N, C-alpha and C. Protein backbone atom coordinates (compact mmCIF):
# COMPACT_ATOMS: atom_id res chain seq x y z
N MET A 1 -14.32 26.16 35.21
CA MET A 1 -13.54 25.03 34.58
C MET A 1 -12.16 24.98 35.09
N LYS A 2 -11.48 23.85 35.02
CA LYS A 2 -10.12 23.65 35.96
C LYS A 2 -9.34 23.35 34.65
N ASN A 3 -8.19 23.96 35.25
CA ASN A 3 -7.06 23.87 34.20
C ASN A 3 -6.63 22.22 33.89
N PHE A 4 -6.74 21.53 32.76
CA PHE A 4 -6.88 20.15 32.97
C PHE A 4 -4.87 20.19 32.49
N LYS A 5 -4.52 20.57 31.94
CA LYS A 5 -3.21 20.70 31.63
C LYS A 5 -2.18 20.64 33.31
N ASN A 6 -3.06 20.99 33.99
CA ASN A 6 -2.17 20.68 35.20
C ASN A 6 -2.41 19.44 35.75
N LEU A 7 -3.16 18.68 35.76
CA LEU A 7 -3.33 17.22 36.14
C LEU A 7 -2.55 16.38 36.00
N SER A 8 -1.84 15.72 36.73
CA SER A 8 -0.97 14.79 36.72
C SER A 8 -1.43 13.64 35.88
N VAL A 9 -2.87 12.94 36.05
CA VAL A 9 -3.36 12.00 35.04
C VAL A 9 -3.44 12.34 33.78
N TRP A 10 -3.75 13.82 33.49
CA TRP A 10 -3.83 14.28 32.11
C TRP A 10 -2.35 13.85 31.37
N GLN A 11 -1.20 14.94 31.80
CA GLN A 11 -0.15 14.74 31.63
C GLN A 11 0.70 12.95 31.45
N LYS A 12 0.13 12.31 32.42
CA LYS A 12 0.35 10.92 32.17
C LYS A 12 -0.25 10.17 31.08
N SER A 13 -1.33 10.55 30.74
CA SER A 13 -2.04 10.06 29.58
C SER A 13 -1.82 10.42 28.30
N MET A 14 -1.01 11.95 28.31
CA MET A 14 -0.49 12.31 26.91
C MET A 14 1.12 11.68 26.81
N ASN A 15 1.81 11.47 27.85
CA ASN A 15 2.84 10.55 27.79
C ASN A 15 2.39 9.05 26.84
N LEU A 16 1.56 8.39 27.62
CA LEU A 16 0.71 7.07 27.09
C LEU A 16 0.45 7.30 25.49
N VAL A 17 0.02 8.60 25.17
CA VAL A 17 -0.31 8.75 23.65
C VAL A 17 0.78 8.64 23.16
N VAL A 18 2.05 9.32 23.58
CA VAL A 18 3.30 9.17 22.78
C VAL A 18 3.78 7.96 22.72
N ASN A 19 3.62 7.32 23.69
CA ASN A 19 4.19 5.76 23.79
C ASN A 19 3.65 4.74 22.71
N THR A 20 2.13 5.06 22.92
CA THR A 20 1.38 4.05 21.98
C THR A 20 1.51 4.21 20.52
N TYR A 21 1.83 5.75 20.18
CA TYR A 21 2.16 5.79 18.85
C TYR A 21 3.47 5.20 18.18
N LYS A 22 4.55 5.53 19.41
CA LYS A 22 5.64 4.65 19.23
C LYS A 22 5.58 3.12 18.99
N LEU A 23 4.92 2.55 19.67
CA LEU A 23 4.63 1.15 19.78
C LEU A 23 3.84 0.97 18.52
N SER A 24 2.90 1.54 18.06
CA SER A 24 2.14 1.34 16.67
C SER A 24 3.18 1.63 15.52
N SER A 25 3.59 2.17 15.74
CA SER A 25 4.71 2.75 14.48
C SER A 25 5.55 1.14 14.06
N SER A 26 5.89 0.33 15.30
CA SER A 26 6.64 -0.66 15.05
C SER A 26 5.90 -1.81 14.83
N LEU A 27 4.54 -1.94 14.59
CA LEU A 27 3.37 -2.83 13.89
C LEU A 27 3.90 -2.95 12.43
N PRO A 28 3.37 -4.12 11.83
CA PRO A 28 3.24 -4.38 10.41
C PRO A 28 2.89 -3.06 9.52
N ASN A 29 2.79 -2.75 8.58
CA ASN A 29 2.00 -2.17 7.94
C ASN A 29 0.88 -2.17 7.53
N GLU A 30 0.46 -3.74 7.17
CA GLU A 30 -0.78 -4.30 6.72
C GLU A 30 -1.78 -3.85 8.19
N GLU A 31 -1.39 -3.51 9.17
CA GLU A 31 -2.12 -3.17 10.41
C GLU A 31 -2.73 -1.60 10.56
N LYS A 32 -2.22 -0.95 9.47
CA LYS A 32 -2.57 0.52 9.25
C LYS A 32 -3.78 0.94 9.60
N PHE A 33 -4.86 0.16 8.93
CA PHE A 33 -6.14 0.28 8.93
C PHE A 33 -6.83 -0.39 10.44
N GLY A 34 -5.79 -1.35 10.94
CA GLY A 34 -6.52 -2.20 11.93
C GLY A 34 -6.20 -1.55 13.27
N LEU A 35 -5.23 -2.62 13.68
CA LEU A 35 -4.77 -2.13 15.09
C LEU A 35 -4.15 -0.82 15.41
N ILE A 36 -3.16 -0.67 14.50
CA ILE A 36 -2.43 0.97 14.54
C ILE A 36 -3.69 2.22 14.63
N SER A 37 -4.75 1.77 13.79
CA SER A 37 -5.66 3.22 13.76
C SER A 37 -6.36 2.88 15.07
N GLN A 38 -6.96 1.78 15.68
CA GLN A 38 -7.91 2.02 16.55
C GLN A 38 -6.92 2.01 17.85
N MET A 39 -5.62 1.32 17.88
CA MET A 39 -4.70 1.82 19.36
C MET A 39 -4.60 3.23 19.31
N ASN A 40 -4.38 3.82 18.39
CA ASN A 40 -3.98 5.44 18.40
C ASN A 40 -5.28 6.24 19.07
N ARG A 41 -6.42 5.95 18.56
CA ARG A 41 -7.69 6.51 18.37
C ARG A 41 -7.82 6.38 19.81
N ALA A 42 -8.04 4.95 20.49
CA ALA A 42 -8.02 4.85 21.88
C ALA A 42 -7.26 5.54 22.86
N ALA A 43 -5.98 5.64 22.19
CA ALA A 43 -5.02 6.49 23.10
C ALA A 43 -5.30 7.71 23.33
N VAL A 44 -5.68 8.56 21.88
CA VAL A 44 -5.98 9.98 21.91
C VAL A 44 -7.20 10.38 22.95
N SER A 45 -8.18 9.25 22.94
CA SER A 45 -9.45 9.67 23.34
C SER A 45 -9.28 10.04 25.07
N ILE A 46 -8.18 9.03 25.82
CA ILE A 46 -8.04 9.11 27.20
C ILE A 46 -7.77 10.65 27.55
N PRO A 47 -6.80 11.26 27.12
CA PRO A 47 -6.48 12.98 27.49
C PRO A 47 -7.83 13.62 26.79
N SER A 48 -8.24 13.25 25.86
CA SER A 48 -9.23 14.24 25.17
C SER A 48 -10.45 13.98 26.33
N ASN A 49 -10.71 12.88 26.56
CA ASN A 49 -12.21 13.08 27.59
C ASN A 49 -11.67 13.51 28.81
N ILE A 50 -10.49 13.46 29.55
CA ILE A 50 -10.14 14.22 30.64
C ILE A 50 -10.45 15.66 30.46
N ALA A 51 -9.54 16.12 29.39
CA ALA A 51 -9.73 17.64 29.04
C ALA A 51 -11.17 18.09 28.79
N GLU A 52 -12.33 17.20 28.19
CA GLU A 52 -13.65 17.70 27.98
C GLU A 52 -14.34 17.67 29.14
N GLY A 53 -13.86 16.91 30.12
CA GLY A 53 -14.71 16.51 31.44
C GLY A 53 -14.31 17.83 32.28
N SER A 54 -13.16 18.33 32.44
CA SER A 54 -12.69 19.42 32.86
C SER A 54 -13.60 20.72 32.84
N SER A 55 -14.18 20.55 31.65
CA SER A 55 -15.03 21.96 31.56
C SER A 55 -16.87 21.84 31.82
N ARG A 56 -17.03 20.52 32.41
CA ARG A 56 -17.95 20.37 32.72
C ARG A 56 -18.30 20.80 34.05
N ARG A 57 -19.50 21.50 34.42
CA ARG A 57 -19.70 22.21 35.77
C ARG A 57 -20.08 21.29 37.05
N SER A 58 -20.66 20.12 36.78
CA SER A 58 -20.37 19.09 38.03
C SER A 58 -19.62 18.30 38.11
N ASP A 59 -19.18 17.82 39.21
CA ASP A 59 -18.27 16.34 39.31
C ASP A 59 -19.04 15.53 39.09
N LYS A 60 -20.55 15.45 38.81
CA LYS A 60 -21.16 14.10 38.41
C LYS A 60 -20.84 13.96 36.64
N ASP A 61 -20.78 15.06 36.03
CA ASP A 61 -20.59 14.99 34.31
C ASP A 61 -19.12 14.84 34.50
N TYR A 62 -18.26 15.54 35.08
CA TYR A 62 -16.86 15.10 35.15
C TYR A 62 -16.43 13.75 35.14
N ALA A 63 -16.78 13.35 36.22
CA ALA A 63 -16.85 11.97 36.74
C ALA A 63 -16.98 11.05 35.13
N ARG A 64 -17.95 11.29 34.56
CA ARG A 64 -18.89 10.60 33.34
C ARG A 64 -17.82 10.61 32.26
N PHE A 65 -17.07 11.57 32.29
CA PHE A 65 -16.11 11.70 30.99
C PHE A 65 -15.13 11.06 31.36
N LEU A 66 -14.54 10.79 32.98
CA LEU A 66 -13.21 10.20 33.43
C LEU A 66 -13.69 8.79 33.19
N GLU A 67 -14.89 8.13 33.34
CA GLU A 67 -15.16 7.14 32.86
C GLU A 67 -15.09 6.58 31.45
N ILE A 68 -15.38 7.42 30.66
CA ILE A 68 -15.09 7.21 29.16
C ILE A 68 -13.63 6.94 29.07
N ALA A 69 -12.91 8.09 29.88
CA ALA A 69 -11.43 7.99 29.05
C ALA A 69 -10.83 6.32 29.76
N LEU A 70 -11.39 6.18 31.18
CA LEU A 70 -11.03 4.61 31.65
C LEU A 70 -11.58 3.29 30.68
N GLY A 71 -12.61 3.74 30.02
CA GLY A 71 -12.97 2.68 28.74
C GLY A 71 -12.24 2.58 27.69
N SER A 72 -11.78 4.04 27.51
CA SER A 72 -10.66 3.86 26.37
C SER A 72 -9.24 3.18 26.74
N LEU A 73 -8.98 3.42 27.90
CA LEU A 73 -7.56 2.98 28.45
C LEU A 73 -8.01 1.45 28.58
N PHE A 74 -9.26 0.87 29.04
CA PHE A 74 -9.37 -0.72 29.01
C PHE A 74 -9.06 -0.91 27.47
N GLU A 75 -9.87 -0.27 26.43
CA GLU A 75 -9.49 -0.91 25.02
C GLU A 75 -8.17 -0.93 24.83
N LEU A 76 -7.38 0.07 24.91
CA LEU A 76 -5.81 0.29 24.29
C LEU A 76 -5.41 -0.85 25.18
N GLU A 77 -5.47 -1.44 26.53
CA GLU A 77 -4.79 -2.11 27.14
C GLU A 77 -5.22 -3.88 26.45
N THR A 78 -6.47 -3.93 26.06
CA THR A 78 -6.81 -5.19 25.26
C THR A 78 -5.94 -5.09 23.84
N LEU A 79 -5.90 -4.10 23.21
CA LEU A 79 -5.32 -3.98 21.88
C LEU A 79 -3.78 -4.38 21.99
N VAL A 80 -3.15 -3.87 23.16
CA VAL A 80 -1.63 -4.43 23.21
C VAL A 80 -1.73 -5.69 23.70
N LEU A 81 -2.71 -6.10 24.52
CA LEU A 81 -2.58 -7.91 24.59
C LEU A 81 -2.70 -8.64 23.70
N ILE A 82 -3.26 -8.17 22.71
CA ILE A 82 -3.69 -8.45 21.37
C ILE A 82 -2.34 -8.69 20.39
N ILE A 83 -1.61 -7.70 20.19
CA ILE A 83 -0.41 -7.60 20.11
C ILE A 83 0.84 -8.50 20.74
N GLN A 84 0.58 -8.35 21.95
CA GLN A 84 1.58 -9.35 22.66
C GLN A 84 1.29 -10.68 22.37
N MET A 85 0.07 -11.41 22.23
CA MET A 85 -0.07 -12.53 21.88
C MET A 85 -0.02 -13.10 20.38
N LEU A 86 -0.10 -11.98 19.56
CA LEU A 86 0.47 -12.08 18.21
C LEU A 86 1.78 -12.00 17.97
N GLU A 87 2.58 -11.38 18.83
CA GLU A 87 4.28 -11.17 18.94
C GLU A 87 4.58 -10.47 18.04
N MET A 88 3.64 -9.25 17.87
CA MET A 88 3.99 -8.21 16.64
C MET A 88 4.66 -7.27 16.93
N SER A 89 5.17 -7.23 18.40
CA SER A 89 6.20 -5.96 18.77
C SER A 89 7.18 -7.00 19.87
N SER A 90 8.03 -6.11 20.18
CA SER A 90 9.05 -6.39 21.39
C SER A 90 8.60 -6.40 22.76
N GLU A 91 9.01 -7.40 23.62
CA GLU A 91 8.41 -7.59 25.10
C GLU A 91 8.78 -6.27 25.77
N GLU A 92 9.51 -5.64 25.09
CA GLU A 92 10.26 -4.38 25.98
C GLU A 92 9.10 -3.05 25.90
N LYS A 93 8.72 -3.25 24.58
CA LYS A 93 7.84 -2.02 24.15
C LYS A 93 6.55 -2.24 24.72
N ILE A 94 6.23 -3.51 24.69
CA ILE A 94 5.06 -3.78 25.14
C ILE A 94 4.90 -3.58 26.79
N PHE A 95 5.96 -4.17 27.38
CA PHE A 95 5.96 -3.76 28.87
C PHE A 95 6.01 -2.49 29.52
N GLU A 96 6.66 -1.80 28.46
CA GLU A 96 6.79 -0.18 29.06
C GLU A 96 5.24 0.27 28.69
N THR A 97 4.52 0.03 27.67
CA THR A 97 3.30 0.40 27.40
C THR A 97 2.27 -0.33 28.51
N ASN A 98 2.03 -1.47 28.69
CA ASN A 98 1.43 -1.69 29.93
C ASN A 98 1.73 -1.32 31.29
N GLU A 99 2.90 -0.72 31.52
CA GLU A 99 3.04 0.15 32.92
C GLU A 99 2.48 1.32 32.56
N LYS A 100 2.72 1.80 31.56
CA LYS A 100 1.99 3.29 31.91
C LYS A 100 0.51 3.00 31.90
N ILE A 101 -0.20 2.37 31.04
CA ILE A 101 -1.44 1.77 31.07
C ILE A 101 -1.74 1.56 32.72
N ALA A 102 -1.24 0.84 33.32
CA ALA A 102 -1.69 0.45 34.93
C ALA A 102 -1.67 1.73 35.46
N GLU A 103 -0.38 2.49 35.49
CA GLU A 103 -0.30 3.91 36.34
C GLU A 103 -1.70 4.75 35.72
N VAL A 104 -1.82 4.84 34.56
CA VAL A 104 -3.12 5.91 34.18
C VAL A 104 -4.21 4.92 35.06
N GLN A 105 -4.65 3.84 34.89
CA GLN A 105 -5.78 3.37 35.37
C GLN A 105 -5.84 3.56 37.00
N LYS A 106 -4.58 3.50 37.58
CA LYS A 106 -4.86 3.94 38.89
C LYS A 106 -5.08 5.25 39.60
N MET A 107 -4.66 5.96 38.81
CA MET A 107 -4.80 7.38 38.88
C MET A 107 -6.42 7.82 38.54
N LEU A 108 -6.76 7.21 37.25
CA LEU A 108 -8.15 7.61 36.78
C LEU A 108 -9.46 7.22 37.88
N ASN A 109 -8.96 5.85 38.39
CA ASN A 109 -9.75 5.09 39.37
C ASN A 109 -9.73 5.96 40.69
N SER A 110 -8.70 6.38 40.94
CA SER A 110 -8.54 7.37 42.01
C SER A 110 -9.45 8.61 41.80
N PHE A 111 -9.11 9.32 40.50
CA PHE A 111 -9.81 10.77 40.78
C PHE A 111 -11.48 10.43 40.34
N ILE A 112 -11.70 9.49 39.91
CA ILE A 112 -13.16 9.23 39.67
C ILE A 112 -13.79 9.09 41.45
N LYS A 113 -13.28 8.27 41.99
CA LYS A 113 -13.69 8.01 43.50
C LYS A 113 -13.84 9.42 43.92
N GLN A 114 -12.40 9.79 43.87
CA GLN A 114 -12.47 11.57 44.81
C GLN A 114 -13.74 12.35 43.99
N LEU A 115 -14.00 11.94 42.89
CA LEU A 115 -15.08 13.11 42.25
C LEU A 115 -16.49 12.59 42.92
N SER A 116 -16.58 11.37 43.31
CA SER A 116 -17.93 10.55 43.46
C SER A 116 -18.34 11.15 45.05
N LYS A 117 -17.20 11.20 45.65
CA LYS A 117 -17.41 11.37 47.30
C LYS A 117 -17.87 13.00 47.24
N GLY A 118 -17.05 13.54 46.37
CA GLY A 118 -17.46 15.38 46.61
C GLY A 118 -18.64 15.72 46.53
């Protein structure tokens, strides 16, 4: 079992969770059970799957959890794009979130490739 807390991709994804919660808190209250809930669940799923994957014995199993995390990341990106299209938050908050999403995507893709070679 690897210590997931030492992984920079896990740390960055935890920062993304905090950023996502800040963005979602700026959305209209009527989105509490819609976009807000879905965004927060997708964001939390990313570091959670990285952590859960670290407990797996094989790199193949680990990579599968990282791919699930990547799927949640793409879901989160889509939800942020919807918020942007609907002009539900400031461009600054959206830009900051998109920057963090892109960074974690690159890191996850690299990590998955690294495990697949192993």
